[in-house]
Amino acid sequence: GLRAEHSSAGGHSWVAPRFSTAYKTGEKHQISLAWGEFHQLPQPQWLVWAPQLRPEKADHWVANFQYMTAQRTFRVEVYHKNYDRLVKFDPTD
């Protein structure tokens, strides 16, 4: 899927792709995989000093295994997040 976003505060628009799939490996088991691109604007106080800042971006990968019975659900999940364009600053400035 795709998620289109626009920020009037920062004047930025972007499209964030998303993907998710699941496969039932047995009557009570399932595996799934998801990936998505996520954006967020820098904090407003940072935009005051640097209005040229672009939205921060992160790629998320998630894989999980799930075992379900009538009384219980057991789920194991692993994930990886890769951040890009994060606001960084020197605290001595």
C-alpha atoms as a PDB file:
ATOM      1  CA  GLY A   1       0.000   0.000   0.000  1.00  0.00           C
ATOM      2  CA  LEU A   2       0.866   3.651  -0.098  1.00  0.00           C
ATOM      3  CA  ARG A   3       0.263   6.443   2.340  1.00  0.00           C
ATOM      4  CA  ALA A   4       0.356  10.012   1.026  1.00  0.00           C
ATOM      5  CA  GLU A   5       1.042  12.756   3.531  1.00  0.00           C
ATOM      6  CA  HIS A   6       1.328  16.523   3.424  1.00  0.00           C
ATOM      7  CA  SER A   7       2.480  18.929   6.102  1.00  0.00           C
ATOM      8  CA  SER A   8       1.309  22.491   5.764  1.00  0.00           C
ATOM      9  CA  ALA A   9       3.612  23.423   8.675  1.00  0.00           C
ATOM     10  CA  GLY A  10       6.746  22.357   6.824  1.00  0.00           C
ATOM     11  CA  GLY A  11       5.431  22.635   3.267  1.00  0.00           C
ATOM     12  CA  HIS A  12       6.489  19.047   2.546  1.00  0.00           C
ATOM     13  CA  SER A  13       4.623  16.204   0.860  1.00  0.00           C
ATOM     14  CA  TRP A  14       5.674  12.589   0.628  1.00  0.00           C
ATOM     15  CA  VAL A  15       4.469   9.114  -0.223  1.00  0.00           C
ATOM     16  CA  ALA A  16       5.272   6.335   2.234  1.00  0.00           C
ATOM     17  CA  PRO A  17       5.132   2.777   0.876  1.00  0.00           C
ATOM     18  CA  ARG A  18       3.944  -0.027   3.160  1.00  0.00           C
ATOM     19  CA  PHE A  19       3.900  -3.814   2.728  1.00  0.00           C
ATOM     20  CA  SER A  20       2.467  -6.592   4.880  1.00  0.00           C
ATOM     21  CA  THR A  21       1.914 -10.285   4.298  1.00  0.00           C
ATOM     22  CA  ALA A  22       1.019 -13.308   6.400  1.00  0.00           C
ATOM     23  CA  TYR A  23       1.091 -17.034   5.747  1.00  0.00           C
ATOM     24  CA  LYS A  24      -0.754 -19.655   7.776  1.00  0.00           C
ATOM     25  CA  THR A  25       1.750 -22.485   8.273  1.00  0.00           C
ATOM     26  CA  GLY A  26      -0.653 -24.742  10.159  1.00  0.00           C
ATOM     27  CA  GLU A  27      -4.022 -24.829  11.843  1.00  0.00           C
ATOM     28  CA  LYS A  28      -2.724 -22.787  14.794  1.00  0.00           C
ATOM     29  CA  HIS A  29       0.434 -21.141  13.394  1.00  0.00           C
ATOM     30  CA  GLN A  30       1.095 -18.090  11.296  1.00  0.00           C
ATOM     31  CA  ILE A  31       4.158 -16.164  10.138  1.00  0.00           C
ATOM     32  CA  SER A  32       4.069 -12.604   8.913  1.00  0.00           C
ATOM     33  CA  LEU A  33       6.376  -9.959   7.518  1.00  0.00           C
ATOM     34  CA  ALA A  34       5.859  -6.218   7.288  1.00  0.00           C
ATOM     35  CA  TRP A  35       7.888  -3.292   6.009  1.00  0.00           C
ATOM     36  CA  GLY A  36       7.066   0.377   5.958  1.00  0.00           C
ATOM     37  CA  GLU A  37       8.529   3.803   5.503  1.00  0.00           C
ATOM     38  CA  PHE A  38       7.553   6.328   8.170  1.00  0.00           C
ATOM     39  CA  HIS A  39       8.080  10.091   8.334  1.00  0.00           C
ATOM     40  CA  GLN A  40       7.727  12.736  10.992  1.00  0.00           C
ATOM     41  CA  LEU A  41       8.430  16.427  11.095  1.00  0.00           C
ATOM     42  CA  PRO A  42      11.253  17.757  13.263  1.00  0.00           C
ATOM     43  CA  GLN A  43      10.147  19.366  16.511  1.00  0.00           C
ATOM     44  CA  PRO A  44       8.676  22.876  15.976  1.00  0.00           C
ATOM     45  CA  GLN A  45      11.391  24.523  18.070  1.00  0.00           C
ATOM     46  CA  TRP A  46      14.039  23.124  15.679  1.00  0.00           C
ATOM     47  CA  LEU A  47      12.178  24.437  12.631  1.00  0.00           C
ATOM     48  CA  VAL A  48      12.308  27.961  14.085  1.00  0.00           C
ATOM     49  CA  TRP A  49      16.119  27.877  13.883  1.00  0.00           C
ATOM     50  CA  ALA A  50      16.415  25.734  10.737  1.00  0.00           C
ATOM     51  CA  PRO A  51      13.277  25.971   8.544  1.00  0.00           C
ATOM     52  CA  GLN A  52      15.045  24.060   5.731  1.00  0.00           C
ATOM     53  CA  LEU A  53      14.904  20.797   7.727  1.00  0.00           C
ATOM     54  CA  ARG A  54      13.170  17.978   5.885  1.00  0.00           C
ATOM     55  CA  PRO A  55      10.928  15.376   7.542  1.00  0.00           C
ATOM     56  CA  GLU A  56      12.802  12.667   9.415  1.00  0.00           C
ATOM     57  CA  LYS A  57      12.477   9.174   7.945  1.00  0.00           C
ATOM     58  CA  ALA A  58      12.610   5.606   9.258  1.00  0.00           C
ATOM     59  CA  ASP A  59      12.311   2.213   7.565  1.00  0.00           C
ATOM     60  CA  HIS A  60      10.737  -0.476   9.761  1.00  0.00           C
ATOM     61  CA  TRP A  61      11.018  -4.238   9.193  1.00  0.00           C
ATOM     62  CA  VAL A  62       8.949  -6.598  11.352  1.00  0.00           C
ATOM     63  CA  ALA A  63       8.753 -10.405  11.238  1.00  0.00           C
ATOM     64  CA  ASN A  64       6.755 -12.527  13.604  1.00  0.00           C
ATOM     65  CA  PHE A  65       5.564 -16.024  14.379  1.00  0.00           C
ATOM     66  CA  GLN A  66       2.243 -16.581  16.112  1.00  0.00           C
ATOM     67  CA  TYR A  67       0.751 -19.686  17.717  1.00  0.00           C
ATOM     68  CA  MET A  68      -2.919 -19.419  18.701  1.00  0.00           C
ATOM     69  CA  THR A  69      -5.208 -21.648  20.762  1.00  0.00           C
ATOM     70  CA  ALA A  70      -8.655 -20.966  22.171  1.00  0.00           C
ATOM     71  CA  GLN A  71      -7.164 -19.807  25.502  1.00  0.00           C
ATOM     72  CA  ARG A  72      -3.731 -18.429  24.621  1.00  0.00           C
ATOM     73  CA  THR A  73      -1.719 -16.642  21.968  1.00  0.00           C
ATOM     74  CA  PHE A  74       2.062 -16.923  21.800  1.00  0.00           C
ATOM     75  CA  ARG A  75       3.850 -14.442  19.582  1.00  0.00           C
ATOM     76  CA  VAL A  76       7.531 -13.884  18.852  1.00  0.00           C
ATOM     77  CA  GLU A  77       8.510 -10.775  16.963  1.00  0.00           C
ATOM     78  CA  VAL A  78      11.767  -9.342  15.677  1.00  0.00           C
ATOM     79  CA  TYR A  79      12.178  -5.923  14.150  1.00  0.00           C
ATOM     80  CA  HIS A  80      14.745  -3.602  12.674  1.00  0.00           C
ATOM     81  CA  LYS A  81      14.451   0.161  12.356  1.00  0.00           C
ATOM     82  CA  ASN A  82      16.752   2.136  10.118  1.00  0.00           C
ATOM     83  CA  TYR A  83      16.653   5.896  10.705  1.00  0.00           C
ATOM     84  CA  ASP A  84      17.578   8.529   8.137  1.00  0.00           C
ATOM     85  CA  ARG A  85      17.607  12.332   8.170  1.00  0.00           C
ATOM     86  CA  LEU A  86      17.355  12.556  11.942  1.00  0.00           C
ATOM     87  CA  VAL A  87      17.873  15.991  13.423  1.00  0.00           C
ATOM     88  CA  LYS A  88      21.241  16.159  15.115  1.00  0.00           C
ATOM     89  CA  PHE A  89      22.674  19.091  16.966  1.00  0.00           C
ATOM     90  CA  ASP A  90      25.685  20.070  19.002  1.00  0.00           C
ATOM     91  CA  PRO A  91      24.512  20.775  22.572  1.00  0.00           C
ATOM     92  CA  THR A  92      27.363  23.285  23.051  1.00  0.00           C
ATOM     93  CA  ASP A  93      25.868  25.625  20.409  1.00  0.00           C
END
